[in-house]
PDB file of N, CA and C in Angstrom:
ATOM      1  N   UNK A   1       0.844  -1.171   0.000  1.00  0.00           N
ATOM      2  CA  UNK A   1       0.000   0.000   0.000  1.00  0.00           C
ATOM      3  C   UNK A   1       0.897   1.244   0.000  1.00  0.00           C
ATOM      4  N   UNK A   2       0.632   2.170  -0.893  1.00  0.00           N
ATOM      5  CA  UNK A   2       1.383   3.414  -0.946  1.00  0.00           C
ATOM      6  C   UNK A   2       0.728   4.455  -0.046  1.00  0.00           C
ATOM      7  N   UNK A   3       1.566   5.191   0.635  1.00  0.00           N
ATOM      8  CA  UNK A   3       1.074   6.277   1.483  1.00  0.00           C
ATOM      9  C   UNK A   3       1.588   7.584   0.901  1.00  0.00           C
ATOM     10  N   UNK A   4       0.698   8.481   0.630  1.00  0.00           N
ATOM     11  CA  UNK A   4       1.058   9.781   0.087  1.00  0.00           C
ATOM     12  C   UNK A   4       0.905  10.837   1.165  1.00  0.00           C
ATOM     13  N   UNK A   5       1.813  11.762   1.184  1.00  0.00           N
ATOM     14  CA  UNK A   5       1.747  12.844   2.156  1.00  0.00           C
ATOM     15  C   UNK A   5       1.779  14.178   1.434  1.00  0.00           C
ATOM     16  N   UNK A   6       1.066  15.114   1.957  1.00  0.00           N
ATOM     17  CA  UNK A   6       1.108  16.482   1.445  1.00  0.00           C
ATOM     18  C   UNK A   6       1.935  17.327   2.399  1.00  0.00           C
ATOM     19  N   UNK A   7       2.809  18.111   1.839  1.00  0.00           N
ATOM     20  CA  UNK A   7       3.571  19.059   2.644  1.00  0.00           C
ATOM     21  C   UNK A   7       3.231  20.452   2.127  1.00  0.00           C
ATOM     22  N   UNK A   8       2.740  21.279   3.008  1.00  0.00           N
ATOM     23  CA  UNK A   8       2.353  22.630   2.636  1.00  0.00           C
ATOM     24  C   UNK A   8       3.482  23.593   2.974  1.00  0.00           C
ATOM     25  N   UNK A   9       3.800  24.458   2.049  1.00  0.00           N
ATOM     26  CA  UNK A   9       4.926  25.367   2.230  1.00  0.00           C
ATOM     27  C   UNK A   9       4.474  26.779   2.609  1.00  0.00           C
ATOM     28  N   UNK A  10       3.208  26.941   2.992  1.00  0.00           N
ATOM     29  CA  UNK A  10       2.709  28.272   3.330  1.00  0.00           C
ATOM     30  C   UNK A  10       3.412  28.883   4.530  1.00  0.00           C
ATOM     31  N   UNK A  11       3.965  28.052   5.406  1.00  0.00           N
ATOM     32  CA  UNK A  11       4.637  28.567   6.596  1.00  0.00           C
ATOM     33  C   UNK A  11       6.147  28.693   6.400  1.00  0.00           C
ATOM     34  N   UNK A  12       6.609  28.534   5.180  1.00  0.00           N
ATOM     35  CA  UNK A  12       8.043  28.572   4.885  1.00  0.00           C
ATOM     36  C   UNK A  12       8.686  29.884   5.320  1.00  0.00           C
ATOM     37  N   UNK A  13       7.993  30.988   5.128  1.00  0.00           N
ATOM     38  CA  UNK A  13       8.598  32.292   5.402  1.00  0.00           C
ATOM     39  C   UNK A  13       8.244  32.877   6.772  1.00  0.00           C
ATOM     40  N   UNK A  14       7.699  32.080   7.672  1.00  0.00           N
ATOM     41  CA  UNK A  14       7.236  32.596   8.959  1.00  0.00           C
ATOM     42  C   UNK A  14       8.322  33.349   9.717  1.00  0.00           C
ATOM     43  N   UNK A  15       9.525  32.825   9.806  1.00  0.00           N
ATOM     44  CA  UNK A  15      10.583  33.466  10.593  1.00  0.00           C
ATOM     45  C   UNK A  15      11.654  34.106   9.716  1.00  0.00           C
ATOM     46  N   UNK A  16      11.331  34.355   8.460  1.00  0.00           N
ATOM     47  CA  UNK A  16      12.302  34.905   7.516  1.00  0.00           C
ATOM     48  C   UNK A  16      12.027  36.393   7.328  1.00  0.00           C
ATOM     49  N   UNK A  17      13.070  37.211   7.459  1.00  0.00           N
ATOM     50  CA  UNK A  17      12.926  38.652   7.301  1.00  0.00           C
ATOM     51  C   UNK A  17      13.001  39.122   5.862  1.00  0.00           C
ATOM     52  N   UNK A  18      13.637  38.334   5.003  1.00  0.00           N
ATOM     53  CA  UNK A  18      13.738  38.673   3.592  1.00  0.00           C
ATOM     54  C   UNK A  18      12.454  38.319   2.864  1.00  0.00           C
ATOM     55  N   UNK A  19      12.423  38.604   1.591  1.00  0.00           N
ATOM     56  CA  UNK A  19      11.256  38.315   0.759  1.00  0.00           C
ATOM     57  C   UNK A  19      11.402  36.921   0.147  1.00  0.00           C
ATOM     58  N   UNK A  20      10.362  36.096   0.290  1.00  0.00           N
ATOM     59  CA  UNK A  20      10.353  34.740  -0.263  1.00  0.00           C
ATOM     60  C   UNK A  20       9.450  34.724  -1.495  1.00  0.00           C
ATOM     61  N   UNK A  21       9.949  34.120  -2.561  1.00  0.00           N
ATOM     62  CA  UNK A  21       9.171  33.905  -3.776  1.00  0.00           C
ATOM     63  C   UNK A  21       9.087  32.403  -3.994  1.00  0.00           C
ATOM     64  N   UNK A  22       7.852  31.872  -4.140  1.00  0.00           N
ATOM     65  CA  UNK A  22       7.651  30.439  -4.322  1.00  0.00           C
ATOM     66  C   UNK A  22       6.865  30.205  -5.604  1.00  0.00           C
ATOM     67  N   UNK A  23       7.303  29.216  -6.367  1.00  0.00           N
ATOM     68  CA  UNK A  23       6.558  28.785  -7.536  1.00  0.00           C
ATOM     69  C   UNK A  23       6.871  27.310  -7.752  1.00  0.00           C
ATOM     70  N   UNK A  24       5.848  26.487  -7.705  1.00  0.00           N
ATOM     71  CA  UNK A  24       6.002  25.033  -7.861  1.00  0.00           C
ATOM     72  C   UNK A  24       7.071  24.543  -6.881  1.00  0.00           C
ATOM     73  N   UNK A  25       8.175  23.986  -7.378  1.00  0.00           N
ATOM     74  CA  UNK A  25       9.216  23.479  -6.479  1.00  0.00           C
ATOM     75  C   UNK A  25      10.406  24.435  -6.408  1.00  0.00           C
ATOM     76  N   UNK A  26      10.175  25.685  -6.748  1.00  0.00           N
ATOM     77  CA  UNK A  26      11.228  26.708  -6.747  1.00  0.00           C
ATOM     78  C   UNK A  26      11.022  27.668  -5.583  1.00  0.00           C
ATOM     79  N   UNK A  27      12.071  28.006  -4.888  1.00  0.00           N
ATOM     80  CA  UNK A  27      12.010  28.986  -3.807  1.00  0.00           C
ATOM     81  C   UNK A  27      13.152  29.966  -3.983  1.00  0.00           C
ATOM     82  N   UNK A  28      12.830  31.251  -3.889  1.00  0.00           N
ATOM     83  CA  UNK A  28      13.854  32.289  -3.973  1.00  0.00           C
ATOM     84  C   UNK A  28      13.767  33.161  -2.734  1.00  0.00           C
ATOM     85  N   UNK A  29      14.916  33.538  -2.209  1.00  0.00           N
ATOM     86  CA  UNK A  29      15.004  34.429  -1.057  1.00  0.00           C
ATOM     87  C   UNK A  29      15.713  35.690  -1.507  1.00  0.00           C
ATOM     88  N   UNK A  30      15.114  36.841  -1.234  1.00  0.00           N
ATOM     89  CA  UNK A  30      15.712  38.114  -1.637  1.00  0.00           C
ATOM     90  C   UNK A  30      15.820  39.038  -0.426  1.00  0.00           C
ATOM     91  N   UNK A  31      16.900  39.768  -0.375  1.00  0.00           N
ATOM     92  CA  UNK A  31      17.118  40.732   0.710  1.00  0.00           C
ATOM     93  C   UNK A  31      18.150  41.742   0.229  1.00  0.00           C
ATOM     94  N   UNK A  32      17.991  42.983   0.621  1.00  0.00           N
ATOM     95  CA  UNK A  32      18.996  44.006   0.329  1.00  0.00           C
ATOM     96  C   UNK A  32      20.152  43.808   1.299  1.00  0.00           C
ATOM     97  N   UNK A  33      21.358  43.668   0.749  1.00  0.00           N
ATOM     98  CA  UNK A  33      22.558  43.469   1.558  1.00  0.00           C
ATOM     99  C   UNK A  33      23.544  44.576   1.212  1.00  0.00           C
ATOM    100  N   UNK A  34      23.672  45.535   2.132  1.00  0.00           N
ATOM    101  CA  UNK A  34      24.579  46.664   1.923  1.00  0.00           C
ATOM    102  C   UNK A  34      25.850  46.569   2.763  1.00  0.00           C
ATOM    103  N   UNK A  35      25.833  45.703   3.789  1.00  0.00           N
ATOM    104  CA  UNK A  35      26.975  45.613   4.697  1.00  0.00           C
ATOM    105  C   UNK A  35      27.007  44.235   5.358  1.00  0.00           C
ATOM    106  N   UNK A  36      27.969  44.025   6.207  1.00  0.00           N
ATOM    107  CA  UNK A  36      28.146  42.717   6.855  1.00  0.00           C
ATOM    108  C   UNK A  36      26.950  42.363   7.731  1.00  0.00           C
ATOM    109  N   UNK A  37      26.377  43.337   8.408  1.00  0.00           N
ATOM    110  CA  UNK A  37      25.212  43.061   9.261  1.00  0.00           C
ATOM    111  C   UNK A  37      24.032  42.572   8.431  1.00  0.00           C
ATOM    112  N   UNK A  38      23.808  43.180   7.260  1.00  0.00           N
ATOM    113  CA  UNK A  38      22.754  42.717   6.349  1.00  0.00           C
ATOM    114  C   UNK A  38      23.047  41.297   5.872  1.00  0.00           C
ATOM    115  N   UNK A  39      24.303  41.006   5.584  1.00  0.00           N
ATOM    116  CA  UNK A  39      24.693  39.665   5.139  1.00  0.00           C
ATOM    117  C   UNK A  39      24.432  38.649   6.251  1.00  0.00           C
ATOM    118  N   UNK A  40      24.668  39.021   7.485  1.00  0.00           N
ATOM    119  CA  UNK A  40      24.393  38.127   8.612  1.00  0.00           C
ATOM    120  C   UNK A  40      22.895  37.868   8.748  1.00  0.00           C
ATOM    121  N   UNK A  41      22.074  38.879   8.454  1.00  0.00           N
ATOM    122  CA  UNK A  41      20.622  38.688   8.474  1.00  0.00           C
ATOM    123  C   UNK A  41      20.191  37.734   7.357  1.00  0.00           C
ATOM    124  N   UNK A  42      20.822  37.852   6.192  1.00  0.00           N
ATOM    125  CA  UNK A  42      20.536  36.919   5.092  1.00  0.00           C
ATOM    126  C   UNK A  42      20.911  35.500   5.502  1.00  0.00           C
ATOM    127  N   UNK A  43      22.061  35.343   6.144  1.00  0.00           N
ATOM    128  CA  UNK A  43      22.476  34.019   6.620  1.00  0.00           C
ATOM    129  C   UNK A  43      21.485  33.486   7.641  1.00  0.00           C
ATOM    130  N   UNK A  44      20.980  34.360   8.512  1.00  0.00           N
ATOM    131  CA  UNK A  44      19.985  33.951   9.501  1.00  0.00           C
ATOM    132  C   UNK A  44      18.713  33.457   8.802  1.00  0.00           C
ATOM    133  N   UNK A  45      18.302  34.140   7.727  1.00  0.00           N
ATOM    134  CA  UNK A  45      17.155  33.683   6.940  1.00  0.00           C
ATOM    135  C   UNK A  45      17.422  32.301   6.349  1.00  0.00           C
ATOM    136  N   UNK A  46      18.615  32.097   5.809  1.00  0.00           N
ATOM    137  CA  UNK A  46      18.973  30.792   5.251  1.00  0.00           C
ATOM    138  C   UNK A  46      18.955  29.711   6.334  1.00  0.00           C
ATOM    139  N   UNK A  47      19.405  30.057   7.525  1.00  0.00           N
ATOM    140  CA  UNK A  47      19.375  29.112   8.646  1.00  0.00           C
ATOM    141  C   UNK A  47      17.936  28.726   9.000  1.00  0.00           C
ATOM    142  N   UNK A  48      17.028  29.717   8.971  1.00  0.00           N
ATOM    143  CA  UNK A  48      15.617  29.430   9.242  1.00  0.00           C
ATOM    144  C   UNK A  48      15.037  28.505   8.171  1.00  0.00           C
ATOM    145  N   UNK A  49      15.390  28.749   6.908  1.00  0.00           N
ATOM    146  CA  UNK A  49      14.912  27.880   5.828  1.00  0.00           C
ATOM    147  C   UNK A  49      15.434  26.455   5.997  1.00  0.00           C
ATOM    148  N   UNK A  50      16.697  26.318   6.351  1.00  0.00           N
ATOM    149  CA  UNK A  50      17.275  24.992   6.573  1.00  0.00           C
ATOM    150  C   UNK A  50      16.589  24.299   7.756  1.00  0.00           C
ATOM    151  N   UNK A  51      16.291  25.043   8.802  1.00  0.00           N
ATOM    152  CA  UNK A  51      15.576  24.488   9.957  1.00  0.00           C
ATOM    153  C   UNK A  51      14.169  24.043   9.593  1.00  0.00           C
ATOM    154  N   UNK A  52      13.493  24.846   8.763  1.00  0.00           N
ATOM    155  CA  UNK A  52      12.163  24.474   8.290  1.00  0.00           C
ATOM    156  C   UNK A  52      12.231  23.167   7.500  1.00  0.00           C
ATOM    157  N   UNK A  53      13.216  23.062   6.618  1.00  0.00           N
ATOM    158  CA  UNK A  53      13.372  21.860   5.803  1.00  0.00           C
ATOM    159  C   UNK A  53      13.620  20.638   6.686  1.00  0.00           C
ATOM    160  N   UNK A  54      14.459  20.781   7.684  1.00  0.00           N
ATOM    161  CA  UNK A  54      14.731  19.671   8.606  1.00  0.00           C
ATOM    162  C   UNK A  54      13.467  19.264   9.360  1.00  0.00           C
ATOM    163  N   UNK A  55      12.737  20.254   9.871  1.00  0.00           N
ATOM    164  CA  UNK A  55      11.527  19.968  10.641  1.00  0.00           C
ATOM    165  C   UNK A  55      10.470  19.270   9.793  1.00  0.00           C
ATOM    166  N   UNK A  56      10.460  19.540   8.485  1.00  0.00           N
ATOM    167  CA  UNK A  56       9.474  18.949   7.584  1.00  0.00           C
ATOM    168  C   UNK A  56      10.034  17.778   6.783  1.00  0.00           C
ATOM    169  N   UNK A  57      11.210  17.306   7.189  1.00  0.00           N
ATOM    170  CA  UNK A  57      11.874  16.173   6.556  1.00  0.00           C
ATOM    171  C   UNK A  57      11.992  16.367   5.039  1.00  0.00           C
ATOM    172  N   UNK A  58      12.413  17.576   4.676  1.00  0.00           N
ATOM    173  CA  UNK A  58      12.633  17.914   3.272  1.00  0.00           C
ATOM    174  C   UNK A  58      14.068  18.370   3.110  1.00  0.00           C
ATOM    175  N   UNK A  59      14.480  18.499   1.865  1.00  0.00           N
ATOM    176  CA  UNK A  59      15.833  18.979   1.580  1.00  0.00           C
ATOM    177  C   UNK A  59      15.780  20.003   0.460  1.00  0.00           C
ATOM    178  N   UNK A  60      16.621  21.003   0.581  1.00  0.00           N
ATOM    179  CA  UNK A  60      16.860  21.903  -0.547  1.00  0.00           C
ATOM    180  C   UNK A  60      17.985  21.281  -1.361  1.00  0.00           C
ATOM    181  N   UNK A  61      17.897  21.382  -2.658  1.00  0.00           N
ATOM    182  CA  UNK A  61      18.961  20.875  -3.520  1.00  0.00           C
ATOM    183  C   UNK A  61      20.066  21.929  -3.552  1.00  0.00           C
ATOM    184  N   UNK A  62      21.026  21.792  -2.661  1.00  0.00           N
ATOM    185  CA  UNK A  62      22.083  22.785  -2.496  1.00  0.00           C
ATOM    186  C   UNK A  62      22.908  22.933  -3.769  1.00  0.00           C
ATOM    187  N   UNK A  63      23.017  21.862  -4.553  1.00  0.00           N
ATOM    188  CA  UNK A  63      23.769  21.938  -5.801  1.00  0.00           C
ATOM    189  C   UNK A  63      23.129  22.895  -6.807  1.00  0.00           C
ATOM    190  N   UNK A  64      21.817  23.103  -6.683  1.00  0.00           N
ATOM    191  CA  UNK A  64      21.119  24.011  -7.587  1.00  0.00           C
ATOM    192  C   UNK A  64      20.997  25.426  -7.017  1.00  0.00           C
ATOM    193  N   UNK A  65      21.407  25.623  -5.782  1.00  0.00           N
ATOM    194  CA  UNK A  65      21.306  26.939  -5.147  1.00  0.00           C
ATOM    195  C   UNK A  65      22.391  27.865  -5.684  1.00  0.00           C
ATOM    196  N   UNK A  66      21.995  29.064  -5.999  1.00  0.00           N
ATOM    197  CA  UNK A  66      22.920  30.062  -6.530  1.00  0.00           C
ATOM    198  C   UNK A  66      22.712  31.379  -5.806  1.00  0.00           C
ATOM    199  N   UNK A  67      23.741  32.196  -5.811  1.00  0.00           N
ATOM    200  CA  UNK A  67      23.673  33.541  -5.250  1.00  0.00           C
ATOM    201  C   UNK A  67      23.730  34.524  -6.411  1.00  0.00           C
ATOM    202  N   UNK A  68      22.771  35.442  -6.437  1.00  0.00           N
ATOM    203  CA  UNK A  68      22.759  36.470  -7.473  1.00  0.00           C
ATOM    204  C   UNK A  68      22.828  37.824  -6.777  1.00  0.00           C
ATOM    205  N   UNK A  69      23.827  38.587  -7.123  1.00  0.00           N
ATOM    206  CA  UNK A  69      24.017  39.884  -6.493  1.00  0.00           C
ATOM    207  C   UNK A  69      23.945  40.975  -7.552  1.00  0.00           C
ATOM    208  N   UNK A  70      23.251  42.051  -7.197  1.00  0.00           N
ATOM    209  CA  UNK A  70      23.107  43.191  -8.084  1.00  0.00           C
ATOM    210  C   UNK A  70      23.796  44.386  -7.455  1.00  0.00           C
ATOM    211  N   UNK A  71      24.361  45.243  -8.266  1.00  0.00           N
ATOM    212  CA  UNK A  71      24.978  46.462  -7.758  1.00  0.00           C
ATOM    213  C   UNK A  71      26.466  46.311  -7.556  1.00  0.00           C
ATOM    214  N   UNK A  72      27.046  47.376  -7.079  1.00  0.00           N
ATOM    215  CA  UNK A  72      28.496  47.407  -6.875  1.00  0.00           C
ATOM    216  C   UNK A  72      28.815  47.269  -5.392  1.00  0.00           C
ATOM    217  N   UNK A  73      30.056  46.979  -5.086  1.00  0.00           N
ATOM    218  CA  UNK A  73      30.469  46.916  -3.683  1.00  0.00           C
ATOM    219  C   UNK A  73      30.173  45.585  -3.029  1.00  0.00           C
ATOM    220  N   UNK A  74      30.321  44.492  -3.761  1.00  0.00           N
ATOM    221  CA  UNK A  74      30.084  43.163  -3.227  1.00  0.00           C
ATOM    222  C   UNK A  74      31.023  42.909  -2.041  1.00  0.00           C
ATOM    223  N   UNK A  75      30.448  42.535  -0.895  1.00  0.00           N
ATOM    224  CA  UNK A  75      31.281  42.267   0.284  1.00  0.00           C
ATOM    225  C   UNK A  75      31.787  40.833   0.306  1.00  0.00           C
ATOM    226  N   UNK A  76      31.387  40.026  -0.686  1.00  0.00           N
ATOM    227  CA  UNK A  76      31.856  38.644  -0.842  1.00  0.00           C
ATOM    228  C   UNK A  76      31.671  37.805   0.423  1.00  0.00           C
ATOM    229  N   UNK A  77      30.503  37.897   1.009  1.00  0.00           N
ATOM    230  CA  UNK A  77      30.129  37.109   2.174  1.00  0.00           C
ATOM    231  C   UNK A  77      29.873  35.674   1.731  1.00  0.00           C
ATOM    232  N   UNK A  78      30.320  34.701   2.479  1.00  0.00           N
ATOM    233  CA  UNK A  78      30.111  33.283   2.154  1.00  0.00           C
ATOM    234  C   UNK A  78      28.866  32.787   2.889  1.00  0.00           C
ATOM    235  N   UNK A  79      27.833  32.480   2.121  1.00  0.00           N
ATOM    236  CA  UNK A  79      26.581  31.992   2.694  1.00  0.00           C
ATOM    237  C   UNK A  79      26.588  30.471   2.757  1.00  0.00           C
ATOM    238  N   UNK A  80      25.730  29.928   3.639  1.00  0.00           N
ATOM    239  CA  UNK A  80      25.637  28.498   3.847  1.00  0.00           C
ATOM    240  C   UNK A  80      24.165  28.115   4.017  1.00  0.00           C
ATOM    241  N   UNK A  81      23.728  27.073   3.338  1.00  0.00           N
ATOM    242  CA  UNK A  81      22.358  26.583   3.483  1.00  0.00           C
ATOM    243  C   UNK A  81      22.416  25.134   3.961  1.00  0.00           C
ATOM    244  N   UNK A  82      22.287  24.960   5.235  1.00  0.00           N
ATOM    245  CA  UNK A  82      22.244  23.617   5.801  1.00  0.00           C
ATOM    246  C   UNK A  82      23.514  22.807   5.588  1.00  0.00           C
ATOM    247  N   UNK A  83      24.659  23.434   5.645  1.00  0.00           N
ATOM    248  CA  UNK A  83      25.915  22.722   5.521  1.00  0.00           C
ATOM    249  C   UNK A  83      26.530  22.744   4.137  1.00  0.00           C
ATOM    250  N   UNK A  84      25.814  23.300   3.153  1.00  0.00           N
ATOM    251  CA  UNK A  84      26.347  23.382   1.792  1.00  0.00           C
ATOM    252  C   UNK A  84      26.650  24.831   1.451  1.00  0.00           C
ATOM    253  N   UNK A  85      27.892  25.201   1.458  1.00  0.00           N
ATOM    254  CA  UNK A  85      28.250  26.602   1.221  1.00  0.00           C
ATOM    255  C   UNK A  85      27.813  27.032  -0.169  1.00  0.00           C
ATOM    256  N   UNK A  86      27.311  28.271  -0.248  1.00  0.00           N
ATOM    257  CA  UNK A  86      26.842  28.815  -1.515  1.00  0.00           C
ATOM    258  C   UNK A  86      27.803  29.799  -2.102  1.00  0.00           C
TER     259      UNK A  86
END
């Protein structure tokens, strides 16, 4: 007998300060990062997403995760999503 489960992602952004965009199996996190403190807040958002995934027995495909930065003055902060550096 097969057992199917539904996982709802409506609570994905509950503890995230950045903007979350969801479509099908795609999730994007956006935040303005002007300095190291902003980058730490982005990392905190990523930590919350990783915690959500763990609590719901799901995984983000870290190999498909990318960082896109706009503007000048990149502080080259190293982000991490659940143990997989981005």
